[in-house]
Amino acid sequence: MEKNAKIYVAGHRGMVGSAIVRKLEKEGFNNIVTRTSAELDLRDQKAVEHFFSAEKPEYVFLAAAKVGGIMANNTYRAEFIYDNLMIESNIIHQSYVHGVTKLLFLGSSCIYPKMAPQPLKEEYLLSGYLEPTNQPYAIAKIAGIELCDAYRAQYGCNFISAMPANLYGPNDNYDPEKSHVLPALLVKLVAAASKNLPSITIWGTGSPLREFLHVDDLADACFFLMEQFDNPGFINIGSGKEISIFDLAQLIKKITGFAGEILTDPSKPDGTPRKLMDSSRLLKMGWEPSISLEEGIRNVYKDVSPLLS
């Protein structure tokens, strides 16, 4: 990408989009196009068409999506599939229509079957049943991969897809009902520490294993892929390290200074038992993450603790 190339970052106010903007600015790119959801409803086909016609971006980072944790995914099933299908369909199609040089679509590790072998290799896609609690969202993201590949096959578009591990970092969602597990635990433990509670209870058994990637590492990988990756299909982006939900709670407990006990509630769903990405393809290309989980959580805690306590 040339430094003066016009780059559209869809979803620039979200955790992922804002990290991509920070990375681009750090690398010296200054022709970045953004729109808030109030300015441009990405579910509106005509509005997206007008935007691309007026702005004519050369590169697109498709980071816009409706996202959430287990509770949100399971509660707002129709919204999660409809909103995400419309967003990605509109942006990918208009990128084709208006001759975008390259597009990067970002999905989610939830695209993999619930009981897929671990670690998760790219070829395991569609090899089994999905986790029921987030199936609508996962199907929408799988459709996004297929859209990129179909436009590549039929029209020769250089549209690529990447699937990140569980993300955390600046501009995360801290709504207790809609957030993912790491920010949800951070909110809960910051509040418990400030109130000197004797204990907190986490959903499920605490045994599921999860991999976490700091969003600044993801943005670095996205920039790397936009410059180095031109293949069909998709590529995993992960840290290569996993931790149980219970041990994650213990780590956040240490960082926040919570002195009480962490209890589990096995009556609540665990979700997928294990979800570790095989990121060997990306690592072999020369990229690797640089932010450890403890360092990353400490930085996030430093930024958000005044707002949460």
C-alpha atoms as a PDB file:
ATOM      1  CA  MET A   1       0.000   0.000   0.000  1.00  0.00           C
ATOM      2  CA  GLU A   2       1.249   3.462  -0.860  1.00  0.00           C
ATOM      3  CA  LYS A   3       1.329   5.918   2.041  1.00  0.00           C
ATOM      4  CA  ASN A   4      -1.214   8.178   0.328  1.00  0.00           C
ATOM      5  CA  ALA A   5      -3.585   5.327  -0.627  1.00  0.00           C
ATOM      6  CA  LYS A   6      -7.209   5.899   0.375  1.00  0.00           C
ATOM      7  CA  ILE A   7      -8.080   3.295   3.000  1.00  0.00           C
ATOM      8  CA  TYR A   8     -11.567   2.658   4.362  1.00  0.00           C
ATOM      9  CA  VAL A   9     -11.703   1.143   7.852  1.00  0.00           C
ATOM     10  CA  ALA A  10     -15.247  -0.113   8.420  1.00  0.00           C
ATOM     11  CA  GLY A  11     -16.034  -0.150  12.128  1.00  0.00           C
ATOM     12  CA  HIS A  12     -13.343   2.336  13.138  1.00  0.00           C
ATOM     13  CA  ARG A  13     -14.918   3.067  16.527  1.00  0.00           C
ATOM     14  CA  GLY A  14     -14.903  -0.568  17.600  1.00  0.00           C
ATOM     15  CA  MET A  15     -12.081  -2.346  19.345  1.00  0.00           C
ATOM     16  CA  VAL A  16     -10.676  -3.898  16.161  1.00  0.00           C
ATOM     17  CA  GLY A  17     -11.287  -0.996  13.797  1.00  0.00           C
ATOM     18  CA  SER A  18      -9.777   1.574  16.144  1.00  0.00           C
ATOM     19  CA  ALA A  19      -6.685  -0.610  16.576  1.00  0.00           C
ATOM     20  CA  ILE A  20      -6.295  -0.840  12.789  1.00  0.00           C
ATOM     21  CA  VAL A  21      -6.575   2.952  12.508  1.00  0.00           C
ATOM     22  CA  ARG A  22      -3.892   3.358  15.197  1.00  0.00           C
ATOM     23  CA  LYS A  23      -1.612   0.944  13.332  1.00  0.00           C
ATOM     24  CA  LEU A  24      -2.120   2.667   9.977  1.00  0.00           C
ATOM     25  CA  GLU A  25      -1.423   6.100  11.486  1.00  0.00           C
ATOM     26  CA  LYS A  26       1.672   4.744  13.209  1.00  0.00           C
ATOM     27  CA  GLU A  27       2.899   3.451   9.823  1.00  0.00           C
ATOM     28  CA  GLY A  28       2.401   6.887   8.252  1.00  0.00           C
ATOM     29  CA  PHE A  29      -0.891   6.434   6.393  1.00  0.00           C
ATOM     30  CA  ASN A  30      -2.928   9.628   6.474  1.00  0.00           C
ATOM     31  CA  ASN A  31      -5.706   9.124   3.911  1.00  0.00           C
ATOM     32  CA  ILE A  32      -7.989   7.018   6.093  1.00  0.00           C
ATOM     33  CA  VAL A  33     -11.741   7.153   5.453  1.00  0.00           C
ATOM     34  CA  THR A  34     -14.188   6.428   8.281  1.00  0.00           C
ATOM     35  CA  ARG A  35     -17.896   6.752   9.004  1.00  0.00           C
ATOM     36  CA  THR A  36     -19.783   6.321  12.244  1.00  0.00           C
ATOM     37  CA  SER A  37     -22.869   4.105  12.296  1.00  0.00           C
ATOM     38  CA  ALA A  38     -24.965   7.273  12.637  1.00  0.00           C
ATOM     39  CA  GLU A  39     -23.414   8.644   9.425  1.00  0.00           C
ATOM     40  CA  LEU A  40     -23.586   5.376   7.463  1.00  0.00           C
ATOM     41  CA  ASP A  41     -25.804   2.387   8.223  1.00  0.00           C
ATOM     42  CA  LEU A  42     -23.801  -0.470   6.733  1.00  0.00           C
ATOM     43  CA  ARG A  43     -26.936  -2.620   6.619  1.00  0.00           C
ATOM     44  CA  ASP A  44     -28.443  -0.190   4.101  1.00  0.00           C
ATOM     45  CA  GLN A  45     -27.510  -1.306   0.589  1.00  0.00           C
ATOM     46  CA  LYS A  46     -28.249   2.023  -1.085  1.00  0.00           C
ATOM     47  CA  ALA A  47     -26.355   4.030   1.556  1.00  0.00           C
ATOM     48  CA  VAL A  48     -23.261   1.825   1.208  1.00  0.00           C
ATOM     49  CA  GLU A  49     -23.461   2.122  -2.577  1.00  0.00           C
ATOM     50  CA  HIS A  50     -23.520   5.935  -2.328  1.00  0.00           C
ATOM     51  CA  PHE A  51     -20.592   5.936   0.097  1.00  0.00           C
ATOM     52  CA  PHE A  52     -18.365   3.833  -2.179  1.00  0.00           C
ATOM     53  CA  SER A  53     -19.374   5.856  -5.207  1.00  0.00           C
ATOM     54  CA  ALA A  54     -18.416   9.111  -3.477  1.00  0.00           C
ATOM     55  CA  GLU A  55     -15.243   8.009  -1.660  1.00  0.00           C
ATOM     56  CA  LYS A  56     -13.818   5.302  -3.976  1.00  0.00           C
ATOM     57  CA  PRO A  57     -11.477   3.723  -1.410  1.00  0.00           C
ATOM     58  CA  GLU A  58      -8.514   1.718  -2.728  1.00  0.00           C
ATOM     59  CA  TYR A  59      -8.213  -0.587   0.276  1.00  0.00           C
ATOM     60  CA  VAL A  60     -10.833  -1.820   2.750  1.00  0.00           C
ATOM     61  CA  PHE A  61     -10.446  -3.288   6.231  1.00  0.00           C
ATOM     62  CA  LEU A  62     -13.827  -4.845   7.032  1.00  0.00           C
ATOM     63  CA  ALA A  63     -13.840  -4.761  10.838  1.00  0.00           C
ATOM     64  CA  ALA A  64     -17.470  -3.674  11.269  1.00  0.00           C
ATOM     65  CA  ALA A  65     -19.703  -6.295  12.885  1.00  0.00           C
ATOM     66  CA  LYS A  66     -22.312  -6.885  15.530  1.00  0.00           C
ATOM     67  CA  VAL A  67     -20.443  -8.756  18.260  1.00  0.00           C
ATOM     68  CA  GLY A  68     -21.013 -10.013  21.789  1.00  0.00           C
ATOM     69  CA  GLY A  69     -20.492 -12.831  24.268  1.00  0.00           C
ATOM     70  CA  ILE A  70     -22.491 -16.020  24.885  1.00  0.00           C
ATOM     71  CA  MET A  71     -25.492 -14.247  26.401  1.00  0.00           C
ATOM     72  CA  ALA A  72     -25.796 -11.663  23.626  1.00  0.00           C
ATOM     73  CA  ASN A  73     -25.247 -14.217  20.847  1.00  0.00           C
ATOM     74  CA  ASN A  74     -27.866 -16.549  22.263  1.00  0.00           C
ATOM     75  CA  THR A  75     -30.417 -13.809  23.035  1.00  0.00           C
ATOM     76  CA  TYR A  76     -30.225 -11.686  19.875  1.00  0.00           C
ATOM     77  CA  ARG A  77     -29.864 -14.526  17.369  1.00  0.00           C
ATOM     78  CA  ALA A  78     -31.805 -12.857  14.543  1.00  0.00           C
ATOM     79  CA  GLU A  79     -29.925  -9.562  14.901  1.00  0.00           C
ATOM     80  CA  PHE A  80     -26.555 -11.308  14.929  1.00  0.00           C
ATOM     81  CA  ILE A  81     -27.126 -13.136  11.661  1.00  0.00           C
ATOM     82  CA  TYR A  82     -29.069 -10.385   9.847  1.00  0.00           C
ATOM     83  CA  ASP A  83     -26.857  -7.439  10.766  1.00  0.00           C
ATOM     84  CA  ASN A  84     -23.608  -9.254   9.994  1.00  0.00           C
ATOM     85  CA  LEU A  85     -24.847 -10.715   6.712  1.00  0.00           C
ATOM     86  CA  MET A  86     -26.022  -7.308   5.528  1.00  0.00           C
ATOM     87  CA  ILE A  87     -22.852  -5.461   6.603  1.00  0.00           C
ATOM     88  CA  GLU A  88     -20.438  -7.850   4.917  1.00  0.00           C
ATOM     89  CA  SER A  89     -22.582  -8.384   1.793  1.00  0.00           C
ATOM     90  CA  ASN A  90     -22.944  -4.660   1.167  1.00  0.00           C
ATOM     91  CA  ILE A  91     -19.278  -3.801   1.721  1.00  0.00           C
ATOM     92  CA  ILE A  92     -17.855  -6.755  -0.208  1.00  0.00           C
ATOM     93  CA  HIS A  93     -20.192  -6.239  -3.174  1.00  0.00           C
ATOM     94  CA  GLN A  94     -19.549  -2.497  -3.396  1.00  0.00           C
ATOM     95  CA  SER A  95     -15.815  -3.119  -3.108  1.00  0.00           C
ATOM     96  CA  TYR A  96     -16.135  -5.251  -6.240  1.00  0.00           C
ATOM     97  CA  VAL A  97     -18.385  -2.759  -8.040  1.00  0.00           C
ATOM     98  CA  HIS A  98     -16.055   0.169  -7.362  1.00  0.00           C
ATOM     99  CA  GLY A  99     -12.776  -1.617  -8.063  1.00  0.00           C
ATOM    100  CA  VAL A 100     -11.228  -1.781  -4.589  1.00  0.00           C
ATOM    101  CA  THR A 101      -7.614  -2.963  -4.959  1.00  0.00           C
ATOM    102  CA  LYS A 102      -7.713  -5.201  -1.873  1.00  0.00           C
ATOM    103  CA  LEU A 103     -10.114  -6.008   0.949  1.00  0.00           C
ATOM    104  CA  LEU A 104      -9.477  -7.772   4.256  1.00  0.00           C
ATOM    105  CA  PHE A 105     -12.505  -9.398   5.908  1.00  0.00           C
ATOM    106  CA  LEU A 106     -12.246 -10.216   9.606  1.00  0.00           C
ATOM    107  CA  GLY A 107     -14.179 -13.137  11.022  1.00  0.00           C
ATOM    108  CA  SER A 108     -14.056 -15.000  14.313  1.00  0.00           C
ATOM    109  CA  SER A 109     -12.739 -18.271  15.693  1.00  0.00           C
ATOM    110  CA  CYS A 110     -16.361 -19.291  16.396  1.00  0.00           C
ATOM    111  CA  ILE A 111     -16.630 -20.333  12.733  1.00  0.00           C
ATOM    112  CA  TYR A 112     -15.050 -23.662  13.677  1.00  0.00           C
ATOM    113  CA  PRO A 113     -17.113 -26.724  14.659  1.00  0.00           C
ATOM    114  CA  LYS A 114     -17.732 -27.089  18.393  1.00  0.00           C
ATOM    115  CA  MET A 115     -15.891 -30.408  18.622  1.00  0.00           C
ATOM    116  CA  ALA A 116     -13.201 -29.778  16.003  1.00  0.00           C
ATOM    117  CA  PRO A 117      -9.733 -31.208  16.747  1.00  0.00           C
ATOM    118  CA  GLN A 118      -7.349 -28.864  18.532  1.00  0.00           C
ATOM    119  CA  PRO A 119      -5.521 -26.732  17.645  1.00  0.00           C
ATOM    120  CA  LEU A 120      -7.921 -25.405  15.026  1.00  0.00           C
ATOM    121  CA  LYS A 121      -6.502 -25.623  11.515  1.00  0.00           C
ATOM    122  CA  GLU A 122      -8.023 -23.648   8.648  1.00  0.00           C
ATOM    123  CA  GLU A 123      -9.059 -26.864   6.857  1.00  0.00           C
ATOM    124  CA  TYR A 124     -11.400 -27.821   9.743  1.00  0.00           C
ATOM    125  CA  LEU A 125     -13.985 -25.280   8.581  1.00  0.00           C
ATOM    126  CA  LEU A 126     -17.396 -26.934   7.906  1.00  0.00           C
ATOM    127  CA  SER A 127     -16.189 -30.312   9.186  1.00  0.00           C
ATOM    128  CA  GLY A 128     -18.814 -30.553  11.954  1.00  0.00           C
ATOM    129  CA  TYR A 129     -21.626 -28.874  13.900  1.00  0.00           C
ATOM    130  CA  LEU A 130     -21.191 -25.362  15.280  1.00  0.00           C
ATOM    131  CA  GLU A 131     -21.559 -24.275  18.912  1.00  0.00           C
ATOM    132  CA  PRO A 132     -25.349 -23.716  19.205  1.00  0.00           C
ATOM    133  CA  THR A 133     -25.168 -20.555  21.341  1.00  0.00           C
ATOM    134  CA  ASN A 134     -23.373 -18.539  18.635  1.00  0.00           C
ATOM    135  CA  GLN A 135     -24.385 -20.418  15.492  1.00  0.00           C
ATOM    136  CA  PRO A 136     -26.154 -17.459  13.783  1.00  0.00           C
ATOM    137  CA  TYR A 137     -23.088 -15.232  14.182  1.00  0.00           C
ATOM    138  CA  ALA A 138     -20.746 -18.024  13.073  1.00  0.00           C
ATOM    139  CA  ILE A 139     -22.810 -18.731   9.954  1.00  0.00           C
ATOM    140  CA  ALA A 140     -22.725 -15.045   9.031  1.00  0.00           C
ATOM    141  CA  LYS A 141     -18.934 -15.016   9.353  1.00  0.00           C
ATOM    142  CA  ILE A 142     -18.592 -18.206   7.305  1.00  0.00           C
ATOM    143  CA  ALA A 143     -20.716 -16.514   4.644  1.00  0.00           C
ATOM    144  CA  GLY A 144     -18.267 -13.596   4.653  1.00  0.00           C
ATOM    145  CA  ILE A 145     -15.367 -15.928   3.889  1.00  0.00           C
ATOM    146  CA  GLU A 146     -17.362 -17.504   1.073  1.00  0.00           C
ATOM    147  CA  LEU A 147     -18.281 -14.075  -0.310  1.00  0.00           C
ATOM    148  CA  CYS A 148     -14.606 -13.094  -0.510  1.00  0.00           C
ATOM    149  CA  ASP A 149     -13.699 -16.373  -2.212  1.00  0.00           C
ATOM    150  CA  ALA A 150     -16.659 -16.223  -4.615  1.00  0.00           C
ATOM    151  CA  TYR A 151     -15.839 -12.672  -5.747  1.00  0.00           C
ATOM    152  CA  ARG A 152     -12.194 -13.709  -6.112  1.00  0.00           C
ATOM    153  CA  ALA A 153     -13.130 -16.775  -8.204  1.00  0.00           C
ATOM    154  CA  GLN A 154     -15.729 -15.077 -10.420  1.00  0.00           C
ATOM    155  CA  TYR A 155     -14.372 -11.546 -10.744  1.00  0.00           C
ATOM    156  CA  GLY A 156     -10.672 -11.816  -9.796  1.00  0.00           C
ATOM    157  CA  CYS A 157     -11.047  -9.592  -6.710  1.00  0.00           C
ATOM    158  CA  ASN A 158      -8.151  -9.623  -4.262  1.00  0.00           C
ATOM    159  CA  PHE A 159     -10.382 -10.136  -1.227  1.00  0.00           C
ATOM    160  CA  ILE A 160      -8.807 -11.981   1.719  1.00  0.00           C
ATOM    161  CA  SER A 161     -10.132 -13.247   5.064  1.00  0.00           C
ATOM    162  CA  ALA A 162      -8.565 -13.636   8.495  1.00  0.00           C
ATOM    163  CA  MET A 163      -9.921 -15.294  11.637  1.00  0.00           C
ATOM    164  CA  PRO A 164      -8.609 -13.882  14.930  1.00  0.00           C
ATOM    165  CA  ALA A 165      -8.617 -15.597  18.308  1.00  0.00           C
ATOM    166  CA  ASN A 166     -10.573 -14.076  21.225  1.00  0.00           C
ATOM    167  CA  LEU A 167      -9.635 -10.413  21.368  1.00  0.00           C
ATOM    168  CA  TYR A 168      -9.260  -7.843  24.129  1.00  0.00           C
ATOM    169  CA  GLY A 169      -7.789  -4.371  24.482  1.00  0.00           C
ATOM    170  CA  PRO A 170      -8.654  -0.656  24.212  1.00  0.00           C
ATOM    171  CA  ASN A 171     -12.253   0.198  23.240  1.00  0.00           C
ATOM    172  CA  ASP A 172     -13.574  -3.205  24.274  1.00  0.00           C
ATOM    173  CA  ASN A 173     -17.244  -3.651  25.209  1.00  0.00           C
ATOM    174  CA  TYR A 174     -17.761  -3.645  28.987  1.00  0.00           C
ATOM    175  CA  ASP A 175     -21.531  -4.076  29.021  1.00  0.00           C
ATOM    176  CA  PRO A 176     -22.131  -6.964  31.495  1.00  0.00           C
ATOM    177  CA  GLU A 177     -24.798  -8.513  29.241  1.00  0.00           C
ATOM    178  CA  LYS A 178     -23.068  -8.106  25.869  1.00  0.00           C
ATOM    179  CA  SER A 179     -19.333  -8.324  26.523  1.00  0.00           C
ATOM    180  CA  HIS A 180     -16.973 -11.231  25.909  1.00  0.00           C
ATOM    181  CA  VAL A 181     -15.500 -13.248  28.743  1.00  0.00           C
ATOM    182  CA  LEU A 182     -12.303 -11.273  29.450  1.00  0.00           C
ATOM    183  CA  PRO A 183     -13.856  -7.791  29.725  1.00  0.00           C
ATOM    184  CA  ALA A 184     -16.853  -9.284  31.568  1.00  0.00           C
ATOM    185  CA  LEU A 185     -14.523 -10.795  34.170  1.00  0.00           C
ATOM    186  CA  LEU A 186     -12.563  -7.547  34.402  1.00  0.00           C
ATOM    187  CA  VAL A 187     -15.738  -5.565  35.094  1.00  0.00           C
ATOM    188  CA  LYS A 188     -16.898  -8.092  37.673  1.00  0.00           C
ATOM    189  CA  LEU A 189     -13.569  -8.263  39.525  1.00  0.00           C
ATOM    190  CA  VAL A 190     -12.931  -4.507  39.518  1.00  0.00           C
ATOM    191  CA  ALA A 191     -16.372  -3.986  41.048  1.00  0.00           C
ATOM    192  CA  ALA A 192     -15.852  -6.809  43.562  1.00  0.00           C
ATOM    193  CA  ALA A 193     -12.480  -5.395  44.625  1.00  0.00           C
ATOM    194  CA  SER A 194     -13.902  -1.896  45.120  1.00  0.00           C
ATOM    195  CA  LYS A 195     -16.730  -3.295  47.270  1.00  0.00           C
ATOM    196  CA  ASN A 196     -14.548  -5.787  49.169  1.00  0.00           C
ATOM    197  CA  LEU A 197     -16.936  -8.607  48.286  1.00  0.00           C
ATOM    198  CA  PRO A 198     -16.185 -12.029  49.820  1.00  0.00           C
ATOM    199  CA  SER A 199     -16.611 -13.829  46.494  1.00  0.00           C
ATOM    200  CA  ILE A 200     -17.713 -13.617  42.870  1.00  0.00           C
ATOM    201  CA  THR A 201     -19.302 -16.312  40.720  1.00  0.00           C
ATOM    202  CA  ILE A 202     -18.340 -16.981  37.105  1.00  0.00           C
ATOM    203  CA  TRP A 203     -20.480 -18.704  34.472  1.00  0.00           C
ATOM    204  CA  GLY A 204     -19.991 -22.425  33.900  1.00  0.00           C
ATOM    205  CA  THR A 205     -17.375 -24.755  35.341  1.00  0.00           C
ATOM    206  CA  GLY A 206     -14.397 -22.530  34.557  1.00  0.00           C
ATOM    207  CA  SER A 207     -12.744 -25.412  32.686  1.00  0.00           C
ATOM    208  CA  PRO A 208     -13.073 -24.278  29.027  1.00  0.00           C
ATOM    209  CA  LEU A 209      -9.764 -23.268  27.488  1.00  0.00           C
ATOM    210  CA  ARG A 210      -9.481 -20.048  25.532  1.00  0.00           C
ATOM    211  CA  GLU A 211      -6.799 -18.269  23.539  1.00  0.00           C
ATOM    212  CA  PHE A 212      -6.553 -14.484  23.797  1.00  0.00           C
ATOM    213  CA  LEU A 213      -4.909 -11.980  21.478  1.00  0.00           C
ATOM    214  CA  HIS A 214      -4.382  -8.303  22.211  1.00  0.00           C
ATOM    215  CA  VAL A 215      -6.143  -6.196  19.597  1.00  0.00           C
ATOM    216  CA  ASP A 216      -2.947  -4.228  18.850  1.00  0.00           C
ATOM    217  CA  ASP A 217      -1.287  -7.522  17.892  1.00  0.00           C
ATOM    218  CA  LEU A 218      -4.274  -8.248  15.655  1.00  0.00           C
ATOM    219  CA  ALA A 219      -3.970  -4.844  13.972  1.00  0.00           C
ATOM    220  CA  ASP A 220      -0.287  -5.526  13.371  1.00  0.00           C
ATOM    221  CA  ALA A 221      -1.189  -8.880  11.794  1.00  0.00           C
ATOM    222  CA  CYS A 222      -3.888  -7.290   9.622  1.00  0.00           C
ATOM    223  CA  PHE A 223      -1.420  -4.751   8.287  1.00  0.00           C
ATOM    224  CA  PHE A 224       1.063  -7.559   7.624  1.00  0.00           C
ATOM    225  CA  LEU A 225      -1.555  -9.605   5.757  1.00  0.00           C
ATOM    226  CA  MET A 226      -2.728  -6.662   3.670  1.00  0.00           C
ATOM    227  CA  GLU A 227       0.836  -6.361   2.431  1.00  0.00           C
ATOM    228  CA  GLN A 228       1.868 -10.028   2.280  1.00  0.00           C
ATOM    229  CA  PHE A 229      -1.166 -12.352   1.877  1.00  0.00           C
ATOM    230  CA  ASP A 230      -3.103 -12.781  -1.376  1.00  0.00           C
ATOM    231  CA  ASN A 231      -4.597 -16.272  -1.160  1.00  0.00           C
ATOM    232  CA  PRO A 232      -8.160 -17.608  -1.236  1.00  0.00           C
ATOM    233  CA  GLY A 233      -9.622 -19.139   1.890  1.00  0.00           C
ATOM    234  CA  PHE A 234      -8.686 -17.587   5.208  1.00  0.00           C
ATOM    235  CA  ILE A 235      -5.817 -17.505   7.662  1.00  0.00           C
ATOM    236  CA  ASN A 236      -5.823 -17.802  11.455  1.00  0.00           C
ATOM    237  CA  ILE A 237      -4.438 -15.065  13.704  1.00  0.00           C
ATOM    238  CA  GLY A 238      -3.712 -16.164  17.267  1.00  0.00           C
ATOM    239  CA  SER A 239      -1.263 -15.992  20.149  1.00  0.00           C
ATOM    240  CA  GLY A 240      -0.743 -19.769  20.259  1.00  0.00           C
ATOM    241  CA  LYS A 241      -1.301 -19.830  24.036  1.00  0.00           C
ATOM    242  CA  GLU A 242      -4.405 -20.878  25.959  1.00  0.00           C
ATOM    243  CA  ILE A 243      -5.728 -20.495  29.488  1.00  0.00           C
ATOM    244  CA  SER A 244      -8.775 -21.870  31.326  1.00  0.00           C
ATOM    245  CA  ILE A 245     -11.571 -19.452  32.179  1.00  0.00           C
ATOM    246  CA  PHE A 246     -10.963 -20.136  35.875  1.00  0.00           C
ATOM    247  CA  ASP A 247      -7.234 -19.399  35.569  1.00  0.00           C
ATOM    248  CA  LEU A 248      -8.051 -16.265  33.574  1.00  0.00           C
ATOM    249  CA  ALA A 249     -10.290 -15.149  36.453  1.00  0.00           C
ATOM    250  CA  GLN A 250      -7.428 -15.836  38.868  1.00  0.00           C
ATOM    251  CA  LEU A 251      -5.029 -13.780  36.739  1.00  0.00           C
ATOM    252  CA  ILE A 252      -7.459 -10.854  36.619  1.00  0.00           C
ATOM    253  CA  LYS A 253      -8.016 -11.266  40.351  1.00  0.00           C
ATOM    254  CA  LYS A 254      -4.261 -10.794  40.886  1.00  0.00           C
ATOM    255  CA  ILE A 255      -4.139  -7.740  38.619  1.00  0.00           C
ATOM    256  CA  THR A 256      -7.191  -6.035  40.156  1.00  0.00           C
ATOM    257  CA  GLY A 257      -6.260  -6.847  43.769  1.00  0.00           C
ATOM    258  CA  PHE A 258      -9.520  -8.652  44.516  1.00  0.00           C
ATOM    259  CA  ALA A 259      -9.057 -10.560  47.789  1.00  0.00           C
ATOM    260  CA  GLY A 260     -12.169 -12.761  47.736  1.00  0.00           C
ATOM    261  CA  GLU A 261     -12.936 -16.222  46.381  1.00  0.00           C
ATOM    262  CA  ILE A 262     -13.820 -17.136  42.812  1.00  0.00           C
ATOM    263  CA  LEU A 263     -16.766 -19.541  42.579  1.00  0.00           C
ATOM    264  CA  THR A 264     -18.183 -21.346  39.534  1.00  0.00           C
ATOM    265  CA  ASP A 265     -21.803 -21.915  38.459  1.00  0.00           C
ATOM    266  CA  PRO A 266     -21.993 -25.217  36.517  1.00  0.00           C
ATOM    267  CA  SER A 267     -25.691 -24.604  35.797  1.00  0.00           C
ATOM    268  CA  LYS A 268     -24.649 -21.920  33.283  1.00  0.00           C
ATOM    269  CA  PRO A 269     -23.308 -22.910  29.813  1.00  0.00           C
ATOM    270  CA  ASP A 270     -19.592 -23.345  29.237  1.00  0.00           C
ATOM    271  CA  GLY A 271     -19.694 -22.882  25.488  1.00  0.00           C
ATOM    272  CA  THR A 272     -17.060 -24.627  23.380  1.00  0.00           C
ATOM    273  CA  PRO A 273     -14.752 -26.769  25.591  1.00  0.00           C
ATOM    274  CA  ARG A 274     -11.535 -25.618  23.935  1.00  0.00           C
ATOM    275  CA  LYS A 275     -10.685 -23.125  21.223  1.00  0.00           C
ATOM    276  CA  LEU A 276      -7.018 -22.858  20.287  1.00  0.00           C
ATOM    277  CA  MET A 277      -6.113 -21.587  16.830  1.00  0.00           C
ATOM    278  CA  ASP A 278      -3.355 -23.116  14.739  1.00  0.00           C
ATOM    279  CA  SER A 279      -1.615 -19.977  13.478  1.00  0.00           C
ATOM    280  CA  SER A 280       1.388 -21.793  12.010  1.00  0.00           C
ATOM    281  CA  ARG A 281       0.685 -20.552   8.464  1.00  0.00           C
ATOM    282  CA  LEU A 282       0.925 -16.935   9.594  1.00  0.00           C
ATOM    283  CA  LEU A 283       3.924 -17.566  11.831  1.00  0.00           C
ATOM    284  CA  LYS A 284       5.776 -19.211   8.952  1.00  0.00           C
ATOM    285  CA  MET A 285       5.187 -16.053   6.915  1.00  0.00           C
ATOM    286  CA  GLY A 286       7.206 -14.121   9.502  1.00  0.00           C
ATOM    287  CA  TRP A 287       4.600 -12.530  11.799  1.00  0.00           C
ATOM    288  CA  GLU A 288       4.341 -13.138  15.532  1.00  0.00           C
ATOM    289  CA  PRO A 289       2.489 -11.495  18.454  1.00  0.00           C
ATOM    290  CA  SER A 290       4.414  -9.290  20.889  1.00  0.00           C
ATOM    291  CA  ILE A 291       2.050  -8.637  23.845  1.00  0.00           C
ATOM    292  CA  SER A 292       1.764 -11.244  26.618  1.00  0.00           C
ATOM    293  CA  LEU A 293      -1.642 -11.871  28.225  1.00  0.00           C
ATOM    294  CA  GLU A 294      -0.650 -10.502  31.636  1.00  0.00           C
ATOM    295  CA  GLU A 295       0.990  -7.408  30.124  1.00  0.00           C
ATOM    296  CA  GLY A 296      -2.030  -6.805  27.945  1.00  0.00           C
ATOM    297  CA  ILE A 297      -4.556  -7.153  30.772  1.00  0.00           C
ATOM    298  CA  ARG A 298      -2.485  -4.874  33.016  1.00  0.00           C
ATOM    299  CA  ASN A 299      -2.485  -2.195  30.321  1.00  0.00           C
ATOM    300  CA  VAL A 300      -6.240  -2.540  29.827  1.00  0.00           C
ATOM    301  CA  TYR A 301      -6.848  -2.435  33.585  1.00  0.00           C
ATOM    302  CA  LYS A 302      -4.775   0.732  33.872  1.00  0.00           C
ATOM    303  CA  ASP A 303      -6.893   2.400  31.188  1.00  0.00           C
ATOM    304  CA  VAL A 304     -10.343   1.296  32.316  1.00  0.00           C
ATOM    305  CA  SER A 305     -10.160   0.881  36.099  1.00  0.00           C
ATOM    306  CA  PRO A 306     -11.093   4.530  36.801  1.00  0.00           C
ATOM    307  CA  LEU A 307     -14.204   4.047  34.665  1.00  0.00           C
ATOM    308  CA  LEU A 308     -15.189   0.684  36.147  1.00  0.00           C
ATOM    309  CA  SER A 309     -14.555   1.128  39.854  1.00  0.00           C
END
